[in-house]
Amino acid sequence: GDPRTERHKKLDELVAKWRLYQAPR
């Protein structure tokens, strides 16, 4: 229920997209 928990979950998805072409991000 904490908004930051939802942000944490979303970060996993975003990092997976960024990991190769946007490594610093």
PDB file of all heavy atoms in Angstrom:
ATOM      1  N   GLY A   1       0.778  -1.224   0.000  1.00  0.00           N
ATOM      2  CA  GLY A   1       0.000   0.000   0.000  1.00  0.00           C
ATOM      3  C   GLY A   1       0.812   1.277   0.000  1.00  0.00           C
ATOM      4  O   GLY A   1       0.269   2.361  -0.261  1.00  0.00           O
ATOM      5  N   ASP A   2       2.102   1.179   0.274  1.00  0.00           N
ATOM      6  CA  ASP A   2       2.942   2.374   0.255  1.00  0.00           C
ATOM      7  C   ASP A   2       3.280   2.720  -1.198  1.00  0.00           C
ATOM      8  O   ASP A   2       3.684   1.850  -1.966  1.00  0.00           O
ATOM      9  CB  ASP A   2       4.226   2.107   1.043  1.00  0.00           C
ATOM     10  CG  ASP A   2       5.025   3.378   1.311  1.00  0.00           C
ATOM     11  OD1 ASP A   2       5.371   4.076   0.333  1.00  0.00           O
ATOM     12  OD2 ASP A   2       5.318   3.660   2.489  1.00  0.00           O
ATOM     13  N   PRO A   3       3.120   3.987  -1.590  1.00  0.00           N
ATOM     14  CA  PRO A   3       3.432   4.374  -2.981  1.00  0.00           C
ATOM     15  C   PRO A   3       4.864   4.031  -3.387  1.00  0.00           C
ATOM     16  O   PRO A   3       5.131   3.714  -4.542  1.00  0.00           O
ATOM     17  CB  PRO A   3       3.200   5.888  -2.988  1.00  0.00           C
ATOM     18  CG  PRO A   3       2.247   6.132  -1.869  1.00  0.00           C
ATOM     19  CD  PRO A   3       2.588   5.118  -0.818  1.00  0.00           C
ATOM     20  N   ARG A   4       5.774   4.065  -2.428  1.00  0.00           N
ATOM     21  CA  ARG A   4       7.162   3.751  -2.740  1.00  0.00           C
ATOM     22  C   ARG A   4       7.346   2.263  -3.016  1.00  0.00           C
ATOM     23  O   ARG A   4       8.255   1.879  -3.753  1.00  0.00           O
ATOM     24  CB  ARG A   4       8.072   4.216  -1.602  1.00  0.00           C
ATOM     25  CG  ARG A   4       8.222   5.734  -1.532  1.00  0.00           C
ATOM     26  CD  ARG A   4       8.899   6.170  -0.256  1.00  0.00           C
ATOM     27  NE  ARG A   4       8.049   5.904   0.906  1.00  0.00           N
ATOM     28  CZ  ARG A   4       8.384   6.181   2.164  1.00  0.00           C
ATOM     29  NH1 ARG A   4       9.558   6.744   2.412  1.00  0.00           N
ATOM     30  NH2 ARG A   4       7.558   5.917   3.162  1.00  0.00           N
ATOM     31  N   THR A   5       6.478   1.451  -2.444  1.00  0.00           N
ATOM     32  CA  THR A   5       6.518   0.020  -2.747  1.00  0.00           C
ATOM     33  C   THR A   5       6.128  -0.220  -4.199  1.00  0.00           C
ATOM     34  O   THR A   5       6.736  -1.042  -4.898  1.00  0.00           O
ATOM     35  CB  THR A   5       5.571  -0.760  -1.817  1.00  0.00           C
ATOM     36  OG1 THR A   5       5.986  -0.577  -0.466  1.00  0.00           O
ATOM     37  CG2 THR A   5       5.562  -2.240  -2.137  1.00  0.00           C
ATOM     38  N   GLU A   6       5.131   0.516  -4.658  1.00  0.00           N
ATOM     39  CA  GLU A   6       4.727   0.415  -6.064  1.00  0.00           C
ATOM     40  C   GLU A   6       5.834   0.938  -6.980  1.00  0.00           C
ATOM     41  O   GLU A   6       6.076   0.388  -8.054  1.00  0.00           O
ATOM     42  CB  GLU A   6       3.430   1.193  -6.294  1.00  0.00           C
ATOM     43  CG  GLU A   6       2.210   0.557  -5.646  1.00  0.00           C
ATOM     44  CD  GLU A   6       1.997  -0.869  -6.115  1.00  0.00           C
ATOM     45  OE1 GLU A   6       2.032  -1.106  -7.341  1.00  0.00           O
ATOM     46  OE2 GLU A   6       1.818  -1.751  -5.245  1.00  0.00           O
ATOM     47  N   ARG A   7       6.495   1.997  -6.547  1.00  0.00           N
ATOM     48  CA  ARG A   7       7.616   2.541  -7.319  1.00  0.00           C
ATOM     49  C   ARG A   7       8.735   1.497  -7.416  1.00  0.00           C
ATOM     50  O   ARG A   7       9.341   1.308  -8.472  1.00  0.00           O
ATOM     51  CB  ARG A   7       8.136   3.810  -6.658  1.00  0.00           C
ATOM     52  CG  ARG A   7       9.435   4.367  -7.245  1.00  0.00           C
ATOM     53  CD  ARG A   7       9.289   4.779  -8.692  1.00  0.00           C
ATOM     54  NE  ARG A   7      10.550   5.332  -9.205  1.00  0.00           N
ATOM     55  CZ  ARG A   7      10.763   5.622 -10.488  1.00  0.00           C
ATOM     56  NH1 ARG A   7       9.807   5.406 -11.381  1.00  0.00           N
ATOM     57  NH2 ARG A   7      11.919   6.126 -10.878  1.00  0.00           N
ATOM     58  N   HIS A   8       9.016   0.810  -6.339  1.00  0.00           N
ATOM     59  CA  HIS A   8      10.039  -0.232  -6.294  1.00  0.00           C
ATOM     60  C   HIS A   8       9.717  -1.348  -7.281  1.00  0.00           C
ATOM     61  O   HIS A   8      10.597  -1.816  -8.021  1.00  0.00           O
ATOM     62  CB  HIS A   8      10.126  -0.783  -4.866  1.00  0.00           C
ATOM     63  CG  HIS A   8      11.151  -1.852  -4.669  1.00  0.00           C
ATOM     64  ND1 HIS A   8      10.889  -3.185  -4.905  1.00  0.00           N
ATOM     65  CD2 HIS A   8      12.457  -1.778  -4.249  1.00  0.00           C
ATOM     66  CE1 HIS A   8      11.968  -3.897  -4.632  1.00  0.00           C
ATOM     67  NE2 HIS A   8      12.930  -3.071  -4.229  1.00  0.00           N
ATOM     68  N   LYS A   9       8.464  -1.735  -7.316  1.00  0.00           N
ATOM     69  CA  LYS A   9       8.046  -2.783  -8.249  1.00  0.00           C
ATOM     70  C   LYS A   9       8.217  -2.331  -9.691  1.00  0.00           C
ATOM     71  O   LYS A   9       8.677  -3.095 -10.552  1.00  0.00           O
ATOM     72  CB  LYS A   9       6.579  -3.149  -7.986  1.00  0.00           C
ATOM     73  CG  LYS A   9       6.053  -4.288  -8.840  1.00  0.00           C
ATOM     74  CD  LYS A   9       4.630  -4.639  -8.449  1.00  0.00           C
ATOM     75  CE  LYS A   9       4.117  -5.823  -9.266  1.00  0.00           C
ATOM     76  NZ  LYS A   9       2.724  -6.178  -8.879  1.00  0.00           N
ATOM     77  N   LYS A  10       7.867  -1.085  -9.958  1.00  0.00           N
ATOM     78  CA  LYS A  10       7.993  -0.547 -11.306  1.00  0.00           C
ATOM     79  C   LYS A  10       9.452  -0.420 -11.723  1.00  0.00           C
ATOM     80  O   LYS A  10       9.802  -0.612 -12.902  1.00  0.00           O
ATOM     81  CB  LYS A  10       7.308   0.828 -11.371  1.00  0.00           C
ATOM     82  CG  LYS A  10       7.258   1.446 -12.764  1.00  0.00           C
ATOM     83  CD  LYS A  10       6.390   0.623 -13.710  1.00  0.00           C
ATOM     84  CE  LYS A  10       6.260   1.278 -15.066  1.00  0.00           C
ATOM     85  NZ  LYS A  10       5.455   0.468 -16.004  1.00  0.00           N
ATOM     86  N   LEU A  11      10.321  -0.120 -10.760  1.00  0.00           N
ATOM     87  CA  LEU A  11      11.732   0.043 -11.072  1.00  0.00           C
ATOM     88  C   LEU A  11      12.329  -1.228 -11.653  1.00  0.00           C
ATOM     89  O   LEU A  11      13.188  -1.173 -12.534  1.00  0.00           O
ATOM     90  CB  LEU A  11      12.504   0.461  -9.821  1.00  0.00           C
ATOM     91  CG  LEU A  11      12.453   1.948  -9.468  1.00  0.00           C
ATOM     92  CD1 LEU A  11      13.049   2.186  -8.093  1.00  0.00           C
ATOM     93  CD2 LEU A  11      13.184   2.785 -10.519  1.00  0.00           C
ATOM     94  N   ASP A  12      11.891  -2.371 -11.166  1.00  0.00           N
ATOM     95  CA  ASP A  12      12.396  -3.636 -11.699  1.00  0.00           C
ATOM     96  C   ASP A  12      12.102  -3.748 -13.189  1.00  0.00           C
ATOM     97  O   ASP A  12      12.958  -4.166 -13.984  1.00  0.00           O
ATOM     98  CB  ASP A  12      11.758  -4.806 -10.941  1.00  0.00           C
ATOM     99  CG  ASP A  12      12.350  -6.145 -11.335  1.00  0.00           C
ATOM    100  OD1 ASP A  12      13.540  -6.197 -11.671  1.00  0.00           O
ATOM    101  OD2 ASP A  12      11.613  -7.146 -11.309  1.00  0.00           O
ATOM    102  N   GLU A  13      10.902  -3.349 -13.590  1.00  0.00           N
ATOM    103  CA  GLU A  13      10.525  -3.383 -15.004  1.00  0.00           C
ATOM    104  C   GLU A  13      11.326  -2.365 -15.811  1.00  0.00           C
ATOM    105  O   GLU A  13      11.783  -2.659 -16.919  1.00  0.00           O
ATOM    106  CB  GLU A  13       9.023  -3.100 -15.155  1.00  0.00           C
ATOM    107  CG  GLU A  13       8.125  -4.076 -14.408  1.00  0.00           C
ATOM    108  CD  GLU A  13       6.669  -3.640 -14.440  1.00  0.00           C
ATOM    109  OE1 GLU A  13       6.364  -2.667 -15.174  1.00  0.00           O
ATOM    110  OE2 GLU A  13       5.850  -4.249 -13.737  1.00  0.00           O
ATOM    111  N   LEU A  14      11.480  -1.170 -15.258  1.00  0.00           N
ATOM    112  CA  LEU A  14      12.195  -0.122 -15.979  1.00  0.00           C
ATOM    113  C   LEU A  14      13.675  -0.461 -16.151  1.00  0.00           C
ATOM    114  O   LEU A  14      14.251  -0.259 -17.223  1.00  0.00           O
ATOM    115  CB  LEU A  14      12.048   1.209 -15.238  1.00  0.00           C
ATOM    116  CG  LEU A  14      10.636   1.799 -15.209  1.00  0.00           C
ATOM    117  CD1 LEU A  14      10.602   3.034 -14.319  1.00  0.00           C
ATOM    118  CD2 LEU A  14      10.169   2.150 -16.618  1.00  0.00           C
ATOM    119  N   VAL A  15      14.283  -0.977 -15.091  1.00  0.00           N
ATOM    120  CA  VAL A  15      15.697  -1.332 -15.162  1.00  0.00           C
ATOM    121  C   VAL A  15      15.929  -2.415 -16.207  1.00  0.00           C
ATOM    122  O   VAL A  15      16.937  -2.411 -16.920  1.00  0.00           O
ATOM    123  CB  VAL A  15      16.207  -1.778 -13.775  1.00  0.00           C
ATOM    124  CG1 VAL A  15      17.561  -2.458 -13.894  1.00  0.00           C
ATOM    125  CG2 VAL A  15      16.308  -0.575 -12.846  1.00  0.00           C
ATOM    126  N   ALA A  16      14.985  -3.336 -16.323  1.00  0.00           N
ATOM    127  CA  ALA A  16      15.094  -4.391 -17.335  1.00  0.00           C
ATOM    128  C   ALA A  16      15.109  -3.792 -18.746  1.00  0.00           C
ATOM    129  O   ALA A  16      15.826  -4.268 -19.631  1.00  0.00           O
ATOM    130  CB  ALA A  16      13.947  -5.377 -17.191  1.00  0.00           C
ATOM    131  N   LYS A  17      14.346  -2.723 -18.949  1.00  0.00           N
ATOM    132  CA  LYS A  17      14.304  -2.063 -20.258  1.00  0.00           C
ATOM    133  C   LYS A  17      15.552  -1.225 -20.495  1.00  0.00           C
ATOM    134  O   LYS A  17      16.056  -1.126 -21.609  1.00  0.00           O
ATOM    135  CB  LYS A  17      13.059  -1.177 -20.359  1.00  0.00           C
ATOM    136  CG  LYS A  17      11.741  -1.932 -20.354  1.00  0.00           C
ATOM    137  CD  LYS A  17      10.570  -0.954 -20.414  1.00  0.00           C
ATOM    138  CE  LYS A  17       9.235  -1.691 -20.377  1.00  0.00           C
ATOM    139  NZ  LYS A  17       8.087  -0.754 -20.404  1.00  0.00           N
ATOM    140  N   TRP A  18      16.042  -0.602 -19.427  1.00  0.00           N
ATOM    141  CA  TRP A  18      17.160   0.328 -19.565  1.00  0.00           C
ATOM    142  C   TRP A  18      18.525  -0.353 -19.556  1.00  0.00           C
ATOM    143  O   TRP A  18      19.510   0.248 -19.964  1.00  0.00           O
ATOM    144  CB  TRP A  18      17.149   1.332 -18.398  1.00  0.00           C
ATOM    145  CG  TRP A  18      15.970   2.222 -18.332  1.00  0.00           C
ATOM    146  CD1 TRP A  18      15.151   2.599 -19.363  1.00  0.00           C
ATOM    147  CD2 TRP A  18      15.456   2.879 -17.161  1.00  0.00           C
ATOM    148  NE1 TRP A  18      14.160   3.436 -18.910  1.00  0.00           N
ATOM    149  CE2 TRP A  18      14.331   3.633 -17.552  1.00  0.00           C
ATOM    150  CE3 TRP A  18      15.839   2.907 -15.819  1.00  0.00           C
ATOM    151  CZ2 TRP A  18      13.591   4.393 -16.651  1.00  0.00           C
ATOM    152  CZ3 TRP A  18      15.113   3.661 -14.922  1.00  0.00           C
ATOM    153  CH2 TRP A  18      14.001   4.402 -15.330  1.00  0.00           C
ATOM    154  N   ARG A  19      18.603  -1.605 -19.082  1.00  0.00           N
ATOM    155  CA  ARG A  19      19.882  -2.192 -18.686  1.00  0.00           C
ATOM    156  C   ARG A  19      20.926  -2.226 -19.807  1.00  0.00           C
ATOM    157  O   ARG A  19      22.125  -2.132 -19.538  1.00  0.00           O
ATOM    158  CB  ARG A  19      19.660  -3.606 -18.132  1.00  0.00           C
ATOM    159  CG  ARG A  19      19.311  -4.634 -19.195  1.00  0.00           C
ATOM    160  CD  ARG A  19      18.868  -5.948 -18.582  1.00  0.00           C
ATOM    161  NE  ARG A  19      18.841  -7.013 -19.562  1.00  0.00           N
ATOM    162  CZ  ARG A  19      17.910  -7.168 -20.499  1.00  0.00           C
ATOM    163  NH1 ARG A  19      16.906  -6.289 -20.555  1.00  0.00           N
ATOM    164  NH2 ARG A  19      17.968  -8.152 -21.360  1.00  0.00           N
ATOM    165  N   LEU A  20      20.496  -2.345 -21.057  1.00  0.00           N
ATOM    166  CA  LEU A  20      21.447  -2.486 -22.153  1.00  0.00           C
ATOM    167  C   LEU A  20      21.743  -1.161 -22.853  1.00  0.00           C
ATOM    168  O   LEU A  20      22.898  -0.808 -23.071  1.00  0.00           O
ATOM    169  CB  LEU A  20      20.925  -3.507 -23.166  1.00  0.00           C
ATOM    170  CG  LEU A  20      20.750  -4.939 -22.628  1.00  0.00           C
ATOM    171  CD1 LEU A  20      20.232  -5.852 -23.720  1.00  0.00           C
ATOM    172  CD2 LEU A  20      22.057  -5.472 -22.063  1.00  0.00           C
ATOM    173  N   TYR A  21      20.696  -0.420 -23.189  1.00  0.00           N
ATOM    174  CA  TYR A  21      20.890   0.783 -23.986  1.00  0.00           C
ATOM    175  C   TYR A  21      21.000   2.054 -23.159  1.00  0.00           C
ATOM    176  O   TYR A  21      21.413   3.093 -23.672  1.00  0.00           O
ATOM    177  CB  TYR A  21      19.758   0.914 -25.007  1.00  0.00           C
ATOM    178  CG  TYR A  21      19.724  -0.246 -25.972  1.00  0.00           C
ATOM    179  CD1 TYR A  21      18.791  -1.264 -25.833  1.00  0.00           C
ATOM    180  CD2 TYR A  21      20.645  -0.323 -27.017  1.00  0.00           C
ATOM    181  CE1 TYR A  21      18.774  -2.337 -26.718  1.00  0.00           C
ATOM    182  CE2 TYR A  21      20.630  -1.397 -27.901  1.00  0.00           C
ATOM    183  CZ  TYR A  21      19.694  -2.405 -27.752  1.00  0.00           C
ATOM    184  OH  TYR A  21      19.680  -3.458 -28.611  1.00  0.00           O
ATOM    185  N   GLN A  22      20.599   1.995 -21.898  1.00  0.00           N
ATOM    186  CA  GLN A  22      20.701   3.158 -21.014  1.00  0.00           C
ATOM    187  C   GLN A  22      21.297   2.711 -19.682  1.00  0.00           C
ATOM    188  O   GLN A  22      20.672   2.826 -18.635  1.00  0.00           O
ATOM    189  CB  GLN A  22      19.328   3.789 -20.811  1.00  0.00           C
ATOM    190  CG  GLN A  22      18.652   4.262 -22.092  1.00  0.00           C
ATOM    191  CD  GLN A  22      17.289   4.891 -21.822  1.00  0.00           C
ATOM    192  OE1 GLN A  22      17.180   5.891 -21.127  1.00  0.00           O
ATOM    193  NE2 GLN A  22      16.251   4.299 -22.384  1.00  0.00           N
ATOM    194  N   ALA A  23      22.516   2.182 -19.730  1.00  0.00           N
ATOM    195  CA  ALA A  23      23.147   1.582 -18.564  1.00  0.00           C
ATOM    196  C   ALA A  23      23.245   2.531 -17.359  1.00  0.00           C
ATOM    197  O   ALA A  23      22.930   2.124 -16.235  1.00  0.00           O
ATOM    198  CB  ALA A  23      24.523   1.044 -18.933  1.00  0.00           C
ATOM    199  N   PRO A  24      23.653   3.786 -17.526  1.00  0.00           N
ATOM    200  CA  PRO A  24      23.710   4.679 -16.355  1.00  0.00           C
ATOM    201  C   PRO A  24      22.336   4.878 -15.707  1.00  0.00           C
ATOM    202  O   PRO A  24      22.220   4.945 -14.485  1.00  0.00           O
ATOM    203  CB  PRO A  24      24.251   5.988 -16.941  1.00  0.00           C
ATOM    204  CG  PRO A  24      25.010   5.570 -18.160  1.00  0.00           C
ATOM    205  CD  PRO A  24      24.211   4.435 -18.725  1.00  0.00           C
ATOM    206  N   ARG A  25      21.308   4.986 -16.553  1.00  0.00           N
ATOM    207  CA  ARG A  25      19.959   5.154 -16.030  1.00  0.00           C
ATOM    208  C   ARG A  25      19.523   3.907 -15.268  1.00  0.00           C
ATOM    209  O   ARG A  25      18.878   3.987 -14.214  1.00  0.00           O
ATOM    210  CB  ARG A  25      19.001   5.435 -17.185  1.00  0.00           C
ATOM    211  CG  ARG A  25      17.636   5.933 -16.772  1.00  0.00           C
ATOM    212  CD  ARG A  25      16.798   6.255 -18.004  1.00  0.00           C
ATOM    213  NE  ARG A  25      15.517   6.836 -17.650  1.00  0.00           N
ATOM    214  CZ  ARG A  25      14.556   7.094 -18.527  1.00  0.00           C
ATOM    215  NH1 ARG A  25      14.765   6.833 -19.815  1.00  0.00           N
ATOM    216  NH2 ARG A  25      13.416   7.627 -18.140  1.00  0.00           N
TER     217      ARG A  25
END
